[in-house]
C-alpha atoms as a PDB file:
ATOM      1  CA  MET A   1      17.048  -0.587 116.203  1.00  0.00           C
ATOM      2  CA  ASP A   2      16.892   3.187 116.109  1.00  0.00           C
ATOM      3  CA  THR A   3      20.315   4.539 116.758  1.00  0.00           C
ATOM      4  CA  GLU A   4      19.567   8.142 116.267  1.00  0.00           C
ATOM      5  CA  ALA A   5      20.832  10.231 119.221  1.00  0.00           C
ATOM      6  CA  GLN A   6      17.759  12.023 121.047  1.00  0.00           C
ATOM      7  CA  PRO A   7      18.142  15.550 122.216  1.00  0.00           C
ATOM      8  CA  THR A   8      18.030  16.033 126.038  1.00  0.00           C
ATOM      9  CA  GLU A   9      16.465  18.833 127.932  1.00  0.00           C
ATOM     10  CA  ARG A  10      19.730  20.528 128.213  1.00  0.00           C
ATOM     11  CA  ASP A  11      20.152  20.707 124.531  1.00  0.00           C
ATOM     12  CA  ARG A  12      16.741  22.022 123.806  1.00  0.00           C
ATOM     13  CA  SER A  13      17.628  24.875 126.149  1.00  0.00           C
ATOM     14  CA  LEU A  14      20.978  26.020 124.469  1.00  0.00           C
ATOM     15  CA  PRO A  15      20.681  28.880 121.795  1.00  0.00           C
ATOM     16  CA  PRO A  16      21.389  27.976 118.272  1.00  0.00           C
ATOM     17  CA  ALA A  17      25.083  27.969 117.674  1.00  0.00           C
ATOM     18  CA  GLY A  18      26.281  30.990 115.930  1.00  0.00           C
ATOM     19  CA  PRO A  19      29.685  32.522 114.822  1.00  0.00           C
ATOM     20  CA  GLU A  20      32.276  33.230 117.632  1.00  0.00           C
ATOM     21  CA  HIS A  21      33.429  36.906 118.346  1.00  0.00           C
ATOM     22  CA  THR A  22      37.062  37.036 117.807  1.00  0.00           C
ATOM     23  CA  SER A  23      37.578  40.646 117.932  1.00  0.00           C
ATOM     24  CA  GLY A  24      39.144  42.153 121.026  1.00  0.00           C
ATOM     25  CA  THR A  25      38.502  45.758 120.577  1.00  0.00           C
ATOM     26  CA  SER A  26      34.800  45.706 120.277  1.00  0.00           C
ATOM     27  CA  GLY A  27      34.182  45.391 123.927  1.00  0.00           C
ATOM     28  CA  PRO A  28      33.772  48.176 126.394  1.00  0.00           C
ATOM     29  CA  GLU A  29      37.364  48.485 127.245  1.00  0.00           C
ATOM     30  CA  GLY A  30      38.365  48.980 123.678  1.00  0.00           C
ATOM     31  CA  ARG A  31      35.369  51.420 123.146  1.00  0.00           C
ATOM     32  CA  SER A  32      36.737  53.125 126.056  1.00  0.00           C
ATOM     33  CA  ARG A  33      40.396  53.516 124.928  1.00  0.00           C
ATOM     34  CA  SER A  34      39.181  54.703 121.355  1.00  0.00           C
ATOM     35  CA  ALA A  35      36.917  57.339 122.894  1.00  0.00           C
ATOM     36  CA  LEU A  36      39.725  58.669 125.034  1.00  0.00           C
ATOM     37  CA  LEU A  37      42.117  58.914 122.006  1.00  0.00           C
ATOM     38  CA  SER A  38      39.348  60.751 120.190  1.00  0.00           C
ATOM     39  CA  HIS A  39      38.890  63.130 123.107  1.00  0.00           C
ATOM     40  CA  LEU A  40      42.813  63.750 123.376  1.00  0.00           C
ATOM     41  CA  THR A  41      43.183  64.555 119.615  1.00  0.00           C
ATOM     42  CA  ALA A  42      39.938  66.468 119.059  1.00  0.00           C
ATOM     43  CA  GLY A  43      41.345  69.871 120.146  1.00  0.00           C
ATOM     44  CA  LEU A  44      44.648  69.324 118.528  1.00  0.00           C
ATOM     45  CA  PRO A  45      45.520  70.711 115.223  1.00  0.00           C
ATOM     46  CA  GLY A  46      46.954  67.577 113.173  1.00  0.00           C
ATOM     47  CA  GLY A  47      45.199  65.217 115.651  1.00  0.00           C
ATOM     48  CA  ARG A  48      47.063  61.851 116.331  1.00  0.00           C
ATOM     49  CA  ILE A  49      50.098  63.037 114.519  1.00  0.00           C
ATOM     50  CA  THR A  50      50.423  66.064 116.698  1.00  0.00           C
ATOM     51  CA  LEU A  51      49.808  63.917 119.768  1.00  0.00           C
ATOM     52  CA  THR A  52      52.472  61.543 119.002  1.00  0.00           C
ATOM     53  CA  LEU A  53      54.933  64.273 118.281  1.00  0.00           C
ATOM     54  CA  LEU A  54      54.236  65.929 121.650  1.00  0.00           C
ATOM     55  CA  LEU A  55      54.690  62.365 123.339  1.00  0.00           C
ATOM     56  CA  CYS A  56      57.920  62.115 121.767  1.00  0.00           C
ATOM     57  CA  LEU A  57      58.975  65.733 122.750  1.00  0.00           C
ATOM     58  CA  LEU A  58      57.911  64.817 126.527  1.00  0.00           C
ATOM     59  CA  PHE A  59      59.958  61.660 126.341  1.00  0.00           C
ATOM     60  CA  VAL A  60      63.054  63.368 125.179  1.00  0.00           C
ATOM     61  CA  LEU A  61      62.775  66.120 127.744  1.00  0.00           C
ATOM     62  CA  ALA A  62      62.576  63.537 130.408  1.00  0.00           C
ATOM     63  CA  LEU A  63      65.555  61.745 129.040  1.00  0.00           C
ATOM     64  CA  ASN A  64      67.458  65.028 128.888  1.00  0.00           C
ATOM     65  CA  THR A  65      66.404  66.032 132.348  1.00  0.00           C
ATOM     66  CA  PHE A  66      66.851  62.702 134.276  1.00  0.00           C
ATOM     67  CA  VAL A  67      69.069  60.281 132.364  1.00  0.00           C
ATOM     68  CA  ALA A  68      71.443  61.715 129.719  1.00  0.00           C
ATOM     69  CA  ARG A  69      72.157  64.926 127.495  1.00  0.00           C
ATOM     70  CA  PRO A  70      74.330  65.763 124.897  1.00  0.00           C
ATOM     71  CA  PHE A  71      77.277  68.284 125.509  1.00  0.00           C
ATOM     72  CA  GLN A  72      79.198  70.069 122.833  1.00  0.00           C
ATOM     73  CA  ILE A  73      82.671  70.514 123.469  1.00  0.00           C
ATOM     74  CA  PRO A  74      83.150  74.423 123.344  1.00  0.00           C
ATOM     75  CA  SER A  75      87.252  74.605 123.353  1.00  0.00           C
ATOM     76  CA  GLY A  76      90.174  72.746 122.773  1.00  0.00           C
ATOM     77  CA  SER A  77      90.986  72.259 126.545  1.00  0.00           C
ATOM     78  CA  MET A  78      90.380  68.394 126.240  1.00  0.00           C
ATOM     79  CA  GLU A  79      92.305  67.647 123.070  1.00  0.00           C
ATOM     80  CA  HIS A  80      93.318  65.524 121.681  1.00  0.00           C
ATOM     81  CA  GLY A  81      90.582  63.160 122.724  1.00  0.00           C
ATOM     82  CA  LEU A  82      87.863  65.576 122.650  1.00  0.00           C
ATOM     83  CA  ARG A  83      87.819  68.197 119.978  1.00  0.00           C
ATOM     84  CA  VAL A  84      86.024  71.277 119.466  1.00  0.00           C
ATOM     85  CA  GLY A  85      82.588  70.772 118.248  1.00  0.00           C
ATOM     86  CA  ASP A  86      82.455  67.179 119.390  1.00  0.00           C
ATOM     87  CA  ARG A  87      79.321  66.088 121.014  1.00  0.00           C
ATOM     88  CA  VAL A  88      79.469  63.629 123.946  1.00  0.00           C
ATOM     89  CA  LEU A  89      76.758  61.785 125.804  1.00  0.00           C
ATOM     90  CA  VAL A  90      76.685  62.791 129.450  1.00  0.00           C
ATOM     91  CA  ASN A  91      75.351  59.972 131.802  1.00  0.00           C
ATOM     92  CA  LYS A  92      73.280  61.956 134.519  1.00  0.00           C
ATOM     93  CA  LEU A  93      72.770  58.778 136.381  1.00  0.00           C
ATOM     94  CA  ALA A  94      76.384  57.870 137.030  1.00  0.00           C
ATOM     95  CA  TYR A  95      76.846  59.490 140.439  1.00  0.00           C
ATOM     96  CA  ARG A  96      73.163  59.632 141.640  1.00  0.00           C
ATOM     97  CA  PHE A  97      72.960  56.205 143.376  1.00  0.00           C
ATOM     98  CA  GLY A  98      75.694  56.297 145.666  1.00  0.00           C
ATOM     99  CA  ALA A  99      78.528  56.293 143.222  1.00  0.00           C
ATOM    100  CA  GLU A 100      81.022  59.145 143.230  1.00  0.00           C
ATOM    101  CA  PRO A 101      83.520  60.714 140.639  1.00  0.00           C
ATOM    102  CA  ARG A 102      86.679  58.736 140.447  1.00  0.00           C
ATOM    103  CA  ARG A 103      90.143  59.880 139.542  1.00  0.00           C
ATOM    104  CA  GLY A 104      90.556  59.788 135.633  1.00  0.00           C
ATOM    105  CA  ASP A 105      86.527  60.284 134.910  1.00  0.00           C
ATOM    106  CA  VAL A 106      85.865  62.911 132.417  1.00  0.00           C
ATOM    107  CA  ILE A 107      83.005  65.087 133.932  1.00  0.00           C
ATOM    108  CA  VAL A 108      80.841  67.815 133.024  1.00  0.00           C
ATOM    109  CA  PHE A 109      80.009  70.354 135.823  1.00  0.00           C
ATOM    110  CA  ASP A 110      78.571  73.613 136.494  1.00  0.00           C
ATOM    111  CA  GLY A 111      81.296  76.065 137.050  1.00  0.00           C
ATOM    112  CA  THR A 112      79.174  78.856 138.356  1.00  0.00           C
ATOM    113  CA  GLY A 113      80.800  80.637 141.317  1.00  0.00           C
ATOM    114  CA  TYR A 114      84.108  78.717 140.728  1.00  0.00           C
ATOM    115  CA  PHE A 115      85.120  78.620 137.118  1.00  0.00           C
ATOM    116  CA  GLY A 116      82.521  80.782 135.479  1.00  0.00           C
ATOM    117  CA  GLU A 117      78.848  80.945 134.760  1.00  0.00           C
ATOM    118  CA  ALA A 118      78.956  77.943 132.308  1.00  0.00           C
ATOM    119  CA  ASP A 119      78.997  74.129 132.072  1.00  0.00           C
ATOM    120  CA  TYR A 120      82.633  72.803 131.727  1.00  0.00           C
ATOM    121  CA  ILE A 121      84.022  69.410 130.926  1.00  0.00           C
ATOM    122  CA  LYS A 122      87.613  68.215 132.491  1.00  0.00           C
ATOM    123  CA  ARG A 123      89.292  65.066 133.860  1.00  0.00           C
ATOM    124  CA  VAL A 124      89.060  64.403 137.549  1.00  0.00           C
ATOM    125  CA  ILE A 125      92.655  64.229 138.842  1.00  0.00           C
ATOM    126  CA  GLY A 126      92.067  64.327 142.621  1.00  0.00           C
ATOM    127  CA  VAL A 127      89.021  63.641 144.844  1.00  0.00           C
ATOM    128  CA  GLY A 128      88.135  64.552 148.328  1.00  0.00           C
ATOM    129  CA  GLY A 129      91.123  63.891 150.863  1.00  0.00           C
ATOM    130  CA  ASP A 130      93.662  63.378 148.172  1.00  0.00           C
ATOM    131  CA  HIS A 131      97.055  65.114 147.976  1.00  0.00           C
ATOM    132  CA  VAL A 132      98.056  66.349 144.620  1.00  0.00           C
ATOM    133  CA  VAL A 133     101.580  67.634 143.653  1.00  0.00           C
ATOM    134  CA  CYS A 134     103.127  68.916 140.617  1.00  0.00           C
ATOM    135  CA  CYS A 135     105.528  67.723 139.853  1.00  0.00           C
ATOM    136  CA  ASP A 136     107.994  64.771 140.628  1.00  0.00           C
ATOM    137  CA  GLY A 137     111.348  64.878 139.334  1.00  0.00           C
ATOM    138  CA  ASP A 138     110.417  63.350 135.997  1.00  0.00           C
ATOM    139  CA  GLY A 139     107.837  66.074 135.588  1.00  0.00           C
ATOM    140  CA  ARG A 140     104.907  63.761 136.422  1.00  0.00           C
ATOM    141  CA  ILE A 141     101.833  64.720 138.785  1.00  0.00           C
ATOM    142  CA  ARG A 142     101.790  62.677 141.976  1.00  0.00           C
ATOM    143  CA  VAL A 143      98.522  61.627 143.931  1.00  0.00           C
ATOM    144  CA  ASN A 144      98.992  60.431 147.319  1.00  0.00           C
ATOM    145  CA  GLY A 145     102.736  59.812 146.657  1.00  0.00           C
ATOM    146  CA  ARG A 146     102.044  57.897 143.509  1.00  0.00           C
ATOM    147  CA  SER A 147     103.361  59.329 140.312  1.00  0.00           C
ATOM    148  CA  VAL A 148     100.926  59.144 137.298  1.00  0.00           C
ATOM    149  CA  ASP A 149     101.829  58.492 133.710  1.00  0.00           C
ATOM    150  CA  GLU A 150      99.365  60.808 131.753  1.00  0.00           C
ATOM    151  CA  SER A 151     101.029  60.086 128.441  1.00  0.00           C
ATOM    152  CA  GLY A 152      97.873  58.058 127.274  1.00  0.00           C
ATOM    153  CA  PHE A 153      95.549  61.113 127.156  1.00  0.00           C
ATOM    154  CA  LEU A 154      97.698  64.162 127.489  1.00  0.00           C
ATOM    155  CA  PHE A 155      98.033  66.404 124.485  1.00  0.00           C
ATOM    156  CA  PRO A 156     101.253  65.486 122.462  1.00  0.00           C
ATOM    157  CA  GLY A 157     103.786  68.010 123.363  1.00  0.00           C
ATOM    158  CA  ASP A 158     102.298  69.203 126.539  1.00  0.00           C
ATOM    159  CA  SER A 159     103.857  68.674 130.187  1.00  0.00           C
ATOM    160  CA  PRO A 160     101.728  67.655 132.837  1.00  0.00           C
ATOM    161  CA  SER A 161     101.776  71.209 134.090  1.00  0.00           C
ATOM    162  CA  THR A 162     103.997  74.385 134.027  1.00  0.00           C
ATOM    163  CA  VAL A 163     102.373  75.715 136.999  1.00  0.00           C
ATOM    164  CA  PRO A 164     103.692  74.013 140.274  1.00  0.00           C
ATOM    165  CA  PHE A 165     101.001  73.180 143.027  1.00  0.00           C
ATOM    166  CA  ASP A 166     100.736  71.315 146.202  1.00  0.00           C
ATOM    167  CA  VAL A 167      97.139  70.875 147.231  1.00  0.00           C
ATOM    168  CA  ARG A 168      94.828  68.684 149.562  1.00  0.00           C
ATOM    169  CA  VAL A 169      91.396  68.360 148.245  1.00  0.00           C
ATOM    170  CA  PRO A 170      88.802  68.916 150.816  1.00  0.00           C
ATOM    171  CA  ASP A 171      86.027  66.303 151.250  1.00  0.00           C
ATOM    172  CA  GLY A 172      83.279  66.796 148.686  1.00  0.00           C
ATOM    173  CA  ARG A 173      85.771  68.755 146.247  1.00  0.00           C
ATOM    174  CA  LEU A 174      87.360  67.610 143.069  1.00  0.00           C
ATOM    175  CA  PHE A 175      90.714  68.712 141.682  1.00  0.00           C
ATOM    176  CA  VAL A 176      90.163  68.746 137.909  1.00  0.00           C
ATOM    177  CA  LEU A 177      92.411  69.515 134.850  1.00  0.00           C
ATOM    178  CA  GLY A 178      92.101  69.714 131.024  1.00  0.00           C
ATOM    179  CA  ASP A 179      93.894  67.019 129.013  1.00  0.00           C
ATOM    180  CA  HIS A 180      95.356  70.031 126.628  1.00  0.00           C
ATOM    181  CA  ARG A 181      97.258  71.511 129.750  1.00  0.00           C
ATOM    182  CA  SER A 182      98.638  74.459 127.858  1.00  0.00           C
ATOM    183  CA  ARG A 183      95.103  75.434 126.695  1.00  0.00           C
ATOM    184  CA  SER A 184      93.120  74.556 129.717  1.00  0.00           C
ATOM    185  CA  SER A 185      91.718  76.969 132.337  1.00  0.00           C
ATOM    186  CA  ASP A 186      91.255  74.536 135.212  1.00  0.00           C
ATOM    187  CA  SER A 187      91.894  74.016 138.810  1.00  0.00           C
ATOM    188  CA  ARG A 188      95.371  75.364 138.735  1.00  0.00           C
ATOM    189  CA  ASP A 189      94.177  78.902 137.414  1.00  0.00           C
ATOM    190  CA  HIS A 190      92.001  79.112 140.560  1.00  0.00           C
ATOM    191  CA  LEU A 191      94.081  78.172 143.457  1.00  0.00           C
ATOM    192  CA  GLY A 192      93.948  81.570 145.013  1.00  0.00           C
ATOM    193  CA  SER A 193      90.342  81.783 144.630  1.00  0.00           C
ATOM    194  CA  PRO A 194      87.377  80.875 146.940  1.00  0.00           C
ATOM    195  CA  GLY A 195      87.490  76.956 147.007  1.00  0.00           C
ATOM    196  CA  GLY A 196      90.940  76.820 146.124  1.00  0.00           C
ATOM    197  CA  GLY A 197      90.003  75.961 142.262  1.00  0.00           C
ATOM    198  CA  MET A 198      88.488  72.627 143.511  1.00  0.00           C
ATOM    199  CA  ILE A 199      84.807  72.378 142.368  1.00  0.00           C
ATOM    200  CA  PRO A 200      82.215  70.790 144.640  1.00  0.00           C
ATOM    201  CA  ALA A 201      81.232  67.221 143.811  1.00  0.00           C
ATOM    202  CA  ASP A 202      77.474  68.191 144.060  1.00  0.00           C
ATOM    203  CA  ASP A 203      77.764  70.578 140.781  1.00  0.00           C
ATOM    204  CA  VAL A 204      78.828  67.781 138.659  1.00  0.00           C
ATOM    205  CA  ILE A 205      76.001  67.195 136.078  1.00  0.00           C
ATOM    206  CA  GLY A 206      77.372  63.741 134.948  1.00  0.00           C
ATOM    207  CA  ARG A 207      80.168  61.652 133.553  1.00  0.00           C
ATOM    208  CA  ALA A 208      80.918  62.053 129.756  1.00  0.00           C
ATOM    209  CA  ASP A 209      80.707  58.330 128.491  1.00  0.00           C
ATOM    210  CA  GLY A 210      81.181  58.754 124.956  1.00  0.00           C
ATOM    211  CA  ILE A 211      81.520  60.895 121.523  1.00  0.00           C
ATOM    212  CA  VAL A 212      78.323  60.544 119.644  1.00  0.00           C
ATOM    213  CA  TRP A 213      78.871  63.095 117.111  1.00  0.00           C
ATOM    214  CA  PRO A 214      80.583  63.221 114.362  1.00  0.00           C
ATOM    215  CA  LEU A 215      80.089  59.477 113.703  1.00  0.00           C
ATOM    216  CA  GLY A 216      83.492  59.175 112.292  1.00  0.00           C
ATOM    217  CA  HIS A 217      84.944  60.192 115.577  1.00  0.00           C
ATOM    218  CA  ALA A 218      82.458  58.375 117.875  1.00  0.00           C
ATOM    219  CA  THR A 219      83.908  56.439 120.396  1.00  0.00           C
ATOM    220  CA  ARG A 220      83.339  55.238 124.066  1.00  0.00           C
ATOM    221  CA  LEU A 221      85.051  57.012 126.889  1.00  0.00           C
ATOM    222  CA  HIS A 222      87.003  54.727 129.285  1.00  0.00           C
ATOM    223  CA  ARG A 223      88.612  55.621 132.608  1.00  0.00           C
ATOM    224  CA  PRO A 224      92.315  55.439 131.821  1.00  0.00           C
ATOM    225  CA  ASP A 225      94.435  52.738 133.921  1.00  0.00           C
ATOM    226  CA  ALA A 226      96.934  55.573 134.847  1.00  0.00           C
ATOM    227  CA  TYR A 227      95.254  56.141 138.265  1.00  0.00           C
ATOM    228  CA  ALA A 228      94.591  52.326 139.088  1.00  0.00           C
ATOM    229  CA  ARG A 229      97.795  52.439 141.346  1.00  0.00           C
ATOM    230  CA  VAL A 230      97.056  55.677 143.157  1.00  0.00           C
ATOM    231  CA  PRO A 231      96.567  54.418 146.926  1.00  0.00           C
ATOM    232  CA  ALA A 232      93.596  55.324 148.906  1.00  0.00           C
ATOM    233  CA  THR A 233      93.827  58.461 151.048  1.00  0.00           C
ATOM    234  CA  GLY A 234      95.186  57.579 154.644  1.00  0.00           C
ATOM    235  CA  THR A 235      97.236  54.523 153.682  1.00  0.00           C
ATOM    236  CA  ASN A 236     100.930  54.335 154.415  1.00  0.00           C
ATOM    237  CA  ALA A 237     101.734  54.901 150.721  1.00  0.00           C
ATOM    238  CA  SER A 238     100.044  58.203 150.578  1.00  0.00           C
ATOM    239  CA  GLU A 239     103.157  59.990 151.186  1.00  0.00           C
ATOM    240  CA  GLY A 240     105.545  57.492 149.874  1.00  0.00           C
ATOM    241  CA  GLY A 241     107.799  57.274 146.846  1.00  0.00           C
ATOM    242  CA  HIS A 242     107.424  58.335 143.441  1.00  0.00           C
ATOM    243  CA  GLY A 243     106.422  55.033 141.882  1.00  0.00           C
END
């Protein structure tokens, strides 16, 4: 009995078997991408290397404009935590989606029209609506009736302030001080100026989230717990005791 399989009509119509195409770059899409890349690099000195460097530069510029930027500490006003020459990373998105500066935050802001035509770095002591007073019987700053222990970040040997003040922070403004109070030009020095030494929250560039250089001093910056017990504006405790 002949058991050999007989070819069908369908088998006869199929083309001869050949090697499969495994490359995904030889099609029209792959050729199109290659042609586009060649077109982009044709007029550039250095070709693909120059294009890669340009794309990296655009990425860094976009990051610096919209997300984060480095800021070099220009003076000793924020010692001992931030030293002259330190570079901090400023988070420019910290206050862009409904969040607002909080007491204790270290911020970088544009001081034009208030402090001077430059960017400054200070700590937020009072926000809109706060009542900030210097000082209580123990020499501590009071915010909304609550005394604040600033010993965790104040420069060793400095007092919270040798300048007395009693201010109400307008809505949309911030009362800011340096941690090295004896070397800091801040809201205290501009109490008689337009705006009363309090900067517009809209002029804040971002929050300093960490020291990135030098590497030996690199660390994350945290909001201190000293302000956690400060009552909100308008509560019964806002004009209460010294805490």
